[in-house]
Amino acid sequence: MTCLPSTTQKKLGLVIDLDTCVGCHGCVTACKGWNTQNYGAPLSDMDPYGADPSGTFLNRVFSYEVTPEDGPAQTVHFPKSCLHCEDAPCVTVCPTGASYKREEDGIVLVDEDKCIGCGLCAWSCAYGARELDQDAGIMKKCTLCVDRIYNENLPEEDRVPACVRTCPSGARHFGDLGDPNSDVSKLVEERGGFDLMPEQGTKPVNKYLPPRLKDRLDTAPMIPVAEEPKGFLGWLDKALEKL
């Protein structure tokens, strides 16, 4: 069994804005690309162009239609990956010590040299955030792009997780959620950020910002400005009718 650190110096994590996520899957693609080309074993794909493709992803986006009591139906896009929980059961259940939580920044990682692919960590994760890579035979999960955020060879603006850097709608934010004065902590405070499934008691570091209610669109019937187009537009209409 692996022990969790009693405290961590930072709580690095993501804040995801469900109000501005458009479900484009740009974060999924960027995550797949970065983590296939860099950290650890590549993320495998099986029969990617066949009738039943499958593969390993560290980040996925789910879409739901919800109907609030006091608002119209709306579509909510819900990205999900490892939440880097403070009380991470995937760490304490690991029999080889492959799963561990870093004391310096709170990131939960997998030592691929120690992982035996037993699946206990996936079984213990309440969020389904771990996937067994069938090709490599080891468990994979979001690393918060740990090989990227500390890389001084990259420009400062690129030292964030690939999903954050790529998001076209600015729905993903990265920072130290253990610092109440950080931008991400202020954002959570201002927008009423929440934990995913807090009843599990895992104290996830990642937070979600709730979607705002959408206004109803009540419009009067459109009234034509003219009974029949005249001048050039009238000629054009008649010409098009003959085509």
C-alpha atoms as a PDB file:
ATOM      1  CA  MET A   1       0.000   0.000   0.000  1.00  0.00           C
ATOM      2  CA  THR A   2       1.221   3.479  -0.886  1.00  0.00           C
ATOM      3  CA  CYS A   3       0.880   6.274   1.644  1.00  0.00           C
ATOM      4  CA  LEU A   4      -0.425   9.728   0.820  1.00  0.00           C
ATOM      5  CA  PRO A   5       1.546  12.782   1.950  1.00  0.00           C
ATOM      6  CA  SER A   6      -0.020  14.439   4.995  1.00  0.00           C
ATOM      7  CA  THR A   7       0.190  17.818   3.235  1.00  0.00           C
ATOM      8  CA  THR A   8       1.397  19.107  -0.104  1.00  0.00           C
ATOM      9  CA  GLN A   9       3.260  22.340  -0.785  1.00  0.00           C
ATOM     10  CA  LYS A  10       0.897  23.185  -3.670  1.00  0.00           C
ATOM     11  CA  LYS A  11      -2.397  21.907  -5.031  1.00  0.00           C
ATOM     12  CA  LEU A  12      -1.949  22.178  -8.761  1.00  0.00           C
ATOM     13  CA  GLY A  13      -5.108  21.450 -10.687  1.00  0.00           C
ATOM     14  CA  LEU A  14      -7.669  22.515 -13.250  1.00  0.00           C
ATOM     15  CA  VAL A  15     -10.745  24.694 -13.092  1.00  0.00           C
ATOM     16  CA  ILE A  16     -13.181  23.862 -15.888  1.00  0.00           C
ATOM     17  CA  ASP A  17     -15.879  26.325 -16.892  1.00  0.00           C
ATOM     18  CA  LEU A  18     -18.978  24.390 -17.951  1.00  0.00           C
ATOM     19  CA  ASP A  19     -20.536  27.625 -19.144  1.00  0.00           C
ATOM     20  CA  THR A  20     -17.982  28.260 -21.882  1.00  0.00           C
ATOM     21  CA  CYS A  21     -16.961  24.706 -22.878  1.00  0.00           C
ATOM     22  CA  VAL A  22     -18.275  24.156 -26.412  1.00  0.00           C
ATOM     23  CA  GLY A  23     -17.551  20.431 -26.597  1.00  0.00           C
ATOM     24  CA  CYS A  24     -15.079  20.774 -29.480  1.00  0.00           C
ATOM     25  CA  HIS A  25     -12.810  18.001 -28.098  1.00  0.00           C
ATOM     26  CA  GLY A  26      -9.745  20.171 -28.744  1.00  0.00           C
ATOM     27  CA  CYS A  27      -8.538  19.345 -25.235  1.00  0.00           C
ATOM     28  CA  VAL A  28      -8.925  15.621 -25.947  1.00  0.00           C
ATOM     29  CA  THR A  29      -6.902  15.855 -29.143  1.00  0.00           C
ATOM     30  CA  ALA A  30      -4.160  17.993 -27.579  1.00  0.00           C
ATOM     31  CA  CYS A  31      -3.907  15.661 -24.581  1.00  0.00           C
ATOM     32  CA  LYS A  32      -3.677  12.592 -26.799  1.00  0.00           C
ATOM     33  CA  GLY A  33      -1.012  14.186 -28.961  1.00  0.00           C
ATOM     34  CA  TRP A  34       1.190  15.481 -26.169  1.00  0.00           C
ATOM     35  CA  ASN A  35       1.053  12.345 -24.045  1.00  0.00           C
ATOM     36  CA  THR A  36       1.648  10.053 -26.994  1.00  0.00           C
ATOM     37  CA  GLN A  37       4.770  11.916 -28.080  1.00  0.00           C
ATOM     38  CA  ASN A  38       6.321  12.769 -24.733  1.00  0.00           C
ATOM     39  CA  TYR A  39       5.790  11.528 -21.169  1.00  0.00           C
ATOM     40  CA  GLY A  40       5.856   7.788 -20.531  1.00  0.00           C
ATOM     41  CA  ALA A  41       4.642   5.043 -22.855  1.00  0.00           C
ATOM     42  CA  PRO A  42       2.604   6.232 -25.876  1.00  0.00           C
ATOM     43  CA  LEU A  43      -1.187   6.105 -25.618  1.00  0.00           C
ATOM     44  CA  SER A  44      -2.184   3.207 -27.817  1.00  0.00           C
ATOM     45  CA  ASP A  45      -4.977   2.927 -30.362  1.00  0.00           C
ATOM     46  CA  MET A  46      -6.479  -0.361 -31.494  1.00  0.00           C
ATOM     47  CA  ASP A  47      -8.004  -0.615 -34.959  1.00  0.00           C
ATOM     48  CA  PRO A  48      -8.291   3.200 -35.178  1.00  0.00           C
ATOM     49  CA  TYR A  49      -9.691   3.171 -38.720  1.00  0.00           C
ATOM     50  CA  GLY A  50     -11.781   0.019 -38.444  1.00  0.00           C
ATOM     51  CA  ALA A  51     -15.389  -0.679 -37.561  1.00  0.00           C
ATOM     52  CA  ASP A  52     -14.776  -0.880 -33.793  1.00  0.00           C
ATOM     53  CA  PRO A  53     -11.926   1.489 -32.859  1.00  0.00           C
ATOM     54  CA  SER A  54     -10.735   1.789 -29.270  1.00  0.00           C
ATOM     55  CA  GLY A  55      -7.863   3.405 -27.479  1.00  0.00           C
ATOM     56  CA  THR A  56      -6.525   5.073 -24.370  1.00  0.00           C
ATOM     57  CA  PHE A  57      -7.388   8.667 -23.531  1.00  0.00           C
ATOM     58  CA  LEU A  58      -6.489  10.697 -20.444  1.00  0.00           C
ATOM     59  CA  ASN A  59      -9.202  13.267 -21.045  1.00  0.00           C
ATOM     60  CA  ARG A  60     -12.713  12.784 -22.407  1.00  0.00           C
ATOM     61  CA  VAL A  61     -15.667  15.111 -23.022  1.00  0.00           C
ATOM     62  CA  PHE A  62     -19.249  14.012 -22.374  1.00  0.00           C
ATOM     63  CA  SER A  63     -22.307  15.955 -23.527  1.00  0.00           C
ATOM     64  CA  TYR A  64     -25.668  16.047 -21.749  1.00  0.00           C
ATOM     65  CA  GLU A  65     -28.988  17.793 -22.311  1.00  0.00           C
ATOM     66  CA  VAL A  66     -30.313  19.227 -19.067  1.00  0.00           C
ATOM     67  CA  THR A  67     -33.554  21.043 -18.266  1.00  0.00           C
ATOM     68  CA  PRO A  68     -33.306  23.354 -15.236  1.00  0.00           C
ATOM     69  CA  GLU A  69     -36.501  24.027 -13.274  1.00  0.00           C
ATOM     70  CA  ASP A  70     -36.425  27.746 -14.037  1.00  0.00           C
ATOM     71  CA  GLY A  71     -34.887  27.756 -17.503  1.00  0.00           C
ATOM     72  CA  PRO A  72     -34.996  26.204 -20.962  1.00  0.00           C
ATOM     73  CA  ALA A  73     -33.268  22.979 -21.943  1.00  0.00           C
ATOM     74  CA  GLN A  74     -29.594  23.355 -22.713  1.00  0.00           C
ATOM     75  CA  THR A  75     -26.634  21.206 -23.678  1.00  0.00           C
ATOM     76  CA  VAL A  76     -23.795  20.964 -21.180  1.00  0.00           C
ATOM     77  CA  HIS A  77     -20.397  19.656 -22.283  1.00  0.00           C
ATOM     78  CA  PHE A  78     -18.588  17.959 -19.412  1.00  0.00           C
ATOM     79  CA  PRO A  79     -14.822  17.314 -19.716  1.00  0.00           C
ATOM     80  CA  LYS A  80     -13.456  14.737 -17.284  1.00  0.00           C
ATOM     81  CA  SER A  81      -9.990  13.534 -16.389  1.00  0.00           C
ATOM     82  CA  CYS A  82      -8.088  12.728 -13.192  1.00  0.00           C
ATOM     83  CA  LEU A  83      -9.053  15.194 -10.455  1.00  0.00           C
ATOM     84  CA  HIS A  84      -5.789  14.712  -8.458  1.00  0.00           C
ATOM     85  CA  CYS A  85      -7.717  14.149  -5.237  1.00  0.00           C
ATOM     86  CA  GLU A  86      -6.228  15.086  -1.886  1.00  0.00           C
ATOM     87  CA  ASP A  87      -7.438  11.797  -0.404  1.00  0.00           C
ATOM     88  CA  ALA A  88      -6.819   9.667  -3.481  1.00  0.00           C
ATOM     89  CA  PRO A  89      -7.944   6.037  -2.994  1.00  0.00           C
ATOM     90  CA  CYS A  90      -6.179   5.053  -6.231  1.00  0.00           C
ATOM     91  CA  VAL A  91      -2.898   5.715  -4.430  1.00  0.00           C
ATOM     92  CA  THR A  92      -3.555   3.894  -1.185  1.00  0.00           C
ATOM     93  CA  VAL A  93      -4.944   0.798  -2.926  1.00  0.00           C
ATOM     94  CA  CYS A  94      -1.919   0.326  -5.217  1.00  0.00           C
ATOM     95  CA  PRO A  95      -0.036  -2.855  -4.186  1.00  0.00           C
ATOM     96  CA  THR A  96       3.273  -1.938  -5.833  1.00  0.00           C
ATOM     97  CA  GLY A  97       3.590   1.760  -5.039  1.00  0.00           C
ATOM     98  CA  ALA A  98       3.204   2.636  -8.716  1.00  0.00           C
ATOM     99  CA  SER A  99       0.489   5.181  -7.971  1.00  0.00           C
ATOM    100  CA  TYR A 100       1.683   8.066  -5.850  1.00  0.00           C
ATOM    101  CA  LYS A 101       0.904  11.679  -4.984  1.00  0.00           C
ATOM    102  CA  ARG A 102       3.728  14.218  -5.152  1.00  0.00           C
ATOM    103  CA  GLU A 103       4.362  16.220  -1.995  1.00  0.00           C
ATOM    104  CA  GLU A 104       5.722  19.259  -3.860  1.00  0.00           C
ATOM    105  CA  ASP A 105       2.652  19.962  -5.990  1.00  0.00           C
ATOM    106  CA  GLY A 106      -0.077  17.405  -5.212  1.00  0.00           C
ATOM    107  CA  ILE A 107      -0.056  15.818  -8.671  1.00  0.00           C
ATOM    108  CA  VAL A 108      -1.058  12.141  -8.746  1.00  0.00           C
ATOM    109  CA  LEU A 109       1.132  10.081 -11.071  1.00  0.00           C
ATOM    110  CA  VAL A 110       1.860   6.487 -12.063  1.00  0.00           C
ATOM    111  CA  ASP A 111       5.369   5.041 -12.069  1.00  0.00           C
ATOM    112  CA  GLU A 112       5.053   2.950 -15.201  1.00  0.00           C
ATOM    113  CA  ASP A 113       8.063   0.809 -14.272  1.00  0.00           C
ATOM    114  CA  LYS A 114       6.245  -0.377 -11.132  1.00  0.00           C
ATOM    115  CA  CYS A 115       2.737  -0.722 -12.570  1.00  0.00           C
ATOM    116  CA  ILE A 116       1.602  -4.325 -13.102  1.00  0.00           C
ATOM    117  CA  GLY A 117      -1.749  -3.423 -14.674  1.00  0.00           C
ATOM    118  CA  CYS A 118      -3.799  -5.059 -11.914  1.00  0.00           C
ATOM    119  CA  GLY A 119      -6.552  -2.439 -12.270  1.00  0.00           C
ATOM    120  CA  LEU A 120      -7.138  -1.888  -8.550  1.00  0.00           C
ATOM    121  CA  CYS A 121      -6.625   1.860  -8.904  1.00  0.00           C
ATOM    122  CA  ALA A 122      -9.228   2.048 -11.686  1.00  0.00           C
ATOM    123  CA  TRP A 123     -11.625   0.031  -9.573  1.00  0.00           C
ATOM    124  CA  SER A 124     -11.173   2.402  -6.615  1.00  0.00           C
ATOM    125  CA  CYS A 125     -11.522   5.639  -8.615  1.00  0.00           C
ATOM    126  CA  ALA A 126     -15.004   7.102  -8.203  1.00  0.00           C
ATOM    127  CA  TYR A 127     -14.635   9.158 -11.375  1.00  0.00           C
ATOM    128  CA  GLY A 128     -13.525   6.537 -13.885  1.00  0.00           C
ATOM    129  CA  ALA A 129     -10.447   8.628 -14.570  1.00  0.00           C
ATOM    130  CA  ARG A 130      -7.977   5.772 -15.122  1.00  0.00           C
ATOM    131  CA  GLU A 131      -7.666   3.608 -18.197  1.00  0.00           C
ATOM    132  CA  LEU A 132      -5.671   0.448 -18.760  1.00  0.00           C
ATOM    133  CA  ASP A 133      -3.566   0.769 -21.872  1.00  0.00           C
ATOM    134  CA  GLN A 134      -4.125  -2.607 -23.492  1.00  0.00           C
ATOM    135  CA  ASP A 135      -1.006  -2.347 -25.620  1.00  0.00           C
ATOM    136  CA  ALA A 136       1.422  -1.293 -22.866  1.00  0.00           C
ATOM    137  CA  GLY A 137      -0.327  -3.287 -20.129  1.00  0.00           C
ATOM    138  CA  ILE A 138      -0.116  -0.420 -17.660  1.00  0.00           C
ATOM    139  CA  MET A 139      -2.522   2.074 -16.149  1.00  0.00           C
ATOM    140  CA  LYS A 140      -2.641   5.569 -17.662  1.00  0.00           C
ATOM    141  CA  LYS A 141      -4.062   8.818 -16.294  1.00  0.00           C
ATOM    142  CA  CYS A 142      -3.833  12.589 -16.561  1.00  0.00           C
ATOM    143  CA  THR A 143      -0.427  13.867 -15.445  1.00  0.00           C
ATOM    144  CA  LEU A 144      -1.302  17.583 -15.646  1.00  0.00           C
ATOM    145  CA  CYS A 145       1.451  17.529 -18.272  1.00  0.00           C
ATOM    146  CA  VAL A 146       4.084  17.424 -15.533  1.00  0.00           C
ATOM    147  CA  ASP A 147       6.770  17.187 -18.204  1.00  0.00           C
ATOM    148  CA  ARG A 148       5.491  20.419 -19.719  1.00  0.00           C
ATOM    149  CA  ILE A 149       4.602  22.750 -16.843  1.00  0.00           C
ATOM    150  CA  TYR A 150       8.152  22.670 -15.436  1.00  0.00           C
ATOM    151  CA  ASN A 151       9.953  22.691 -18.791  1.00  0.00           C
ATOM    152  CA  GLU A 152      12.059  25.871 -18.871  1.00  0.00           C
ATOM    153  CA  ASN A 153      12.875  25.248 -22.529  1.00  0.00           C
ATOM    154  CA  LEU A 154       9.295  26.168 -23.379  1.00  0.00           C
ATOM    155  CA  PRO A 155       8.004  29.753 -23.523  1.00  0.00           C
ATOM    156  CA  GLU A 156       6.280  30.702 -20.274  1.00  0.00           C
ATOM    157  CA  GLU A 157       2.834  30.799 -21.903  1.00  0.00           C
ATOM    158  CA  ASP A 158       3.271  27.156 -22.946  1.00  0.00           C
ATOM    159  CA  ARG A 159       4.087  25.918 -19.432  1.00  0.00           C
ATOM    160  CA  VAL A 160       0.528  24.818 -18.795  1.00  0.00           C
ATOM    161  CA  PRO A 161      -1.201  21.508 -19.554  1.00  0.00           C
ATOM    162  CA  ALA A 162      -1.744  20.929 -23.262  1.00  0.00           C
ATOM    163  CA  CYS A 163      -5.517  20.898 -22.805  1.00  0.00           C
ATOM    164  CA  VAL A 164      -5.425  24.376 -21.233  1.00  0.00           C
ATOM    165  CA  ARG A 165      -3.130  25.810 -23.892  1.00  0.00           C
ATOM    166  CA  THR A 166      -5.328  24.461 -26.679  1.00  0.00           C
ATOM    167  CA  CYS A 167      -8.859  25.270 -25.445  1.00  0.00           C
ATOM    168  CA  PRO A 168     -10.301  27.764 -27.966  1.00  0.00           C
ATOM    169  CA  SER A 169     -13.049  29.015 -25.653  1.00  0.00           C
ATOM    170  CA  GLY A 170     -10.902  29.590 -22.557  1.00  0.00           C
ATOM    171  CA  ALA A 171     -12.922  27.061 -20.589  1.00  0.00           C
ATOM    172  CA  ARG A 172      -9.915  25.479 -18.888  1.00  0.00           C
ATOM    173  CA  HIS A 173      -7.740  27.166 -16.254  1.00  0.00           C
ATOM    174  CA  PHE A 174      -4.631  25.897 -14.462  1.00  0.00           C
ATOM    175  CA  GLY A 175      -2.995  26.959 -11.219  1.00  0.00           C
ATOM    176  CA  ASP A 176      -2.454  26.412  -7.501  1.00  0.00           C
ATOM    177  CA  LEU A 177      -5.794  25.794  -5.835  1.00  0.00           C
ATOM    178  CA  GLY A 178      -4.036  25.654  -2.481  1.00  0.00           C
ATOM    179  CA  ASP A 179      -3.268  29.372  -2.741  1.00  0.00           C
ATOM    180  CA  PRO A 180      -6.386  31.439  -1.974  1.00  0.00           C
ATOM    181  CA  ASN A 181      -4.865  34.393  -3.836  1.00  0.00           C
ATOM    182  CA  SER A 182      -4.215  32.507  -7.087  1.00  0.00           C
ATOM    183  CA  ASP A 183      -6.270  33.322 -10.172  1.00  0.00           C
ATOM    184  CA  VAL A 184      -7.912  29.890 -10.156  1.00  0.00           C
ATOM    185  CA  SER A 185      -8.895  30.137  -6.483  1.00  0.00           C
ATOM    186  CA  LYS A 186     -10.421  33.570  -7.055  1.00  0.00           C
ATOM    187  CA  LEU A 187     -12.311  32.240 -10.054  1.00  0.00           C
ATOM    188  CA  VAL A 188     -13.740  29.379  -8.001  1.00  0.00           C
ATOM    189  CA  GLU A 189     -14.789  31.831  -5.268  1.00  0.00           C
ATOM    190  CA  GLU A 190     -16.394  34.296  -7.679  1.00  0.00           C
ATOM    191  CA  ARG A 191     -18.285  31.734  -9.758  1.00  0.00           C
ATOM    192  CA  GLY A 192     -19.272  29.260  -7.056  1.00  0.00           C
ATOM    193  CA  GLY A 193     -16.975  26.480  -8.221  1.00  0.00           C
ATOM    194  CA  PHE A 194     -17.827  23.010  -6.941  1.00  0.00           C
ATOM    195  CA  ASP A 195     -16.326  19.568  -6.367  1.00  0.00           C
ATOM    196  CA  LEU A 196     -17.415  16.614  -8.481  1.00  0.00           C
ATOM    197  CA  MET A 197     -19.225  14.062  -6.296  1.00  0.00           C
ATOM    198  CA  PRO A 198     -18.110  15.512  -2.919  1.00  0.00           C
ATOM    199  CA  GLU A 199     -19.993  12.746  -1.122  1.00  0.00           C
ATOM    200  CA  GLN A 200     -17.157  10.374  -2.086  1.00  0.00           C
ATOM    201  CA  GLY A 201     -14.884  12.146   0.398  1.00  0.00           C
ATOM    202  CA  THR A 202     -11.879  12.163  -1.927  1.00  0.00           C
ATOM    203  CA  LYS A 203     -11.533  15.985  -1.885  1.00  0.00           C
ATOM    204  CA  PRO A 204     -10.745  16.484  -5.584  1.00  0.00           C
ATOM    205  CA  VAL A 205      -8.378  19.347  -6.364  1.00  0.00           C
ATOM    206  CA  ASN A 206      -9.957  20.068  -9.757  1.00  0.00           C
ATOM    207  CA  LYS A 207     -13.055  22.262  -9.647  1.00  0.00           C
ATOM    208  CA  TYR A 208     -15.948  22.928 -12.003  1.00  0.00           C
ATOM    209  CA  LEU A 209     -17.674  26.244 -12.638  1.00  0.00           C
ATOM    210  CA  PRO A 210     -21.445  25.829 -13.106  1.00  0.00           C
ATOM    211  CA  PRO A 211     -23.157  26.740 -16.376  1.00  0.00           C
ATOM    212  CA  ARG A 212     -25.261  29.886 -16.293  1.00  0.00           C
ATOM    213  CA  LEU A 213     -28.955  29.623 -17.068  1.00  0.00           C
ATOM    214  CA  LYS A 214     -29.720  30.478 -20.665  1.00  0.00           C
ATOM    215  CA  ASP A 215     -32.322  33.132 -21.428  1.00  0.00           C
ATOM    216  CA  ARG A 216     -35.501  32.142 -23.212  1.00  0.00           C
ATOM    217  CA  LEU A 217     -35.737  33.466 -26.743  1.00  0.00           C
ATOM    218  CA  ASP A 218     -39.250  34.854 -27.107  1.00  0.00           C
ATOM    219  CA  THR A 219     -39.531  36.594 -30.452  1.00  0.00           C
ATOM    220  CA  ALA A 220     -42.506  38.086 -32.250  1.00  0.00           C
ATOM    221  CA  PRO A 221     -43.353  36.728 -35.702  1.00  0.00           C
ATOM    222  CA  MET A 222     -41.266  38.317 -38.420  1.00  0.00           C
ATOM    223  CA  ILE A 223     -43.169  40.922 -40.433  1.00  0.00           C
ATOM    224  CA  PRO A 224     -42.120  41.412 -44.059  1.00  0.00           C
ATOM    225  CA  VAL A 225     -40.849  44.864 -44.872  1.00  0.00           C
ATOM    226  CA  ALA A 226     -42.304  44.797 -48.376  1.00  0.00           C
ATOM    227  CA  GLU A 227     -44.984  42.756 -50.059  1.00  0.00           C
ATOM    228  CA  GLU A 228     -42.896  42.286 -53.178  1.00  0.00           C
ATOM    229  CA  PRO A 229     -39.277  43.214 -53.873  1.00  0.00           C
ATOM    230  CA  LYS A 230     -38.834  46.093 -56.292  1.00  0.00           C
ATOM    231  CA  GLY A 231     -36.036  47.480 -58.394  1.00  0.00           C
ATOM    232  CA  PHE A 232     -32.915  45.355 -58.737  1.00  0.00           C
ATOM    233  CA  LEU A 233     -34.039  42.855 -56.063  1.00  0.00           C
ATOM    234  CA  GLY A 234     -37.348  42.394 -57.860  1.00  0.00           C
ATOM    235  CA  TRP A 235     -35.559  41.670 -61.124  1.00  0.00           C
ATOM    236  CA  LEU A 236     -33.160  39.268 -59.352  1.00  0.00           C
ATOM    237  CA  ASP A 237     -36.028  37.329 -57.777  1.00  0.00           C
ATOM    238  CA  LYS A 238     -37.721  36.877 -61.120  1.00  0.00           C
ATOM    239  CA  ALA A 239     -34.469  35.865 -62.798  1.00  0.00           C
ATOM    240  CA  LEU A 240     -33.805  33.237 -60.130  1.00  0.00           C
ATOM    241  CA  GLU A 241     -37.307  31.817 -60.452  1.00  0.00           C
ATOM    242  CA  LYS A 242     -36.586  30.949 -64.095  1.00  0.00           C
ATOM    243  CA  LEU A 243     -33.468  28.908 -63.212  1.00  0.00           C
END
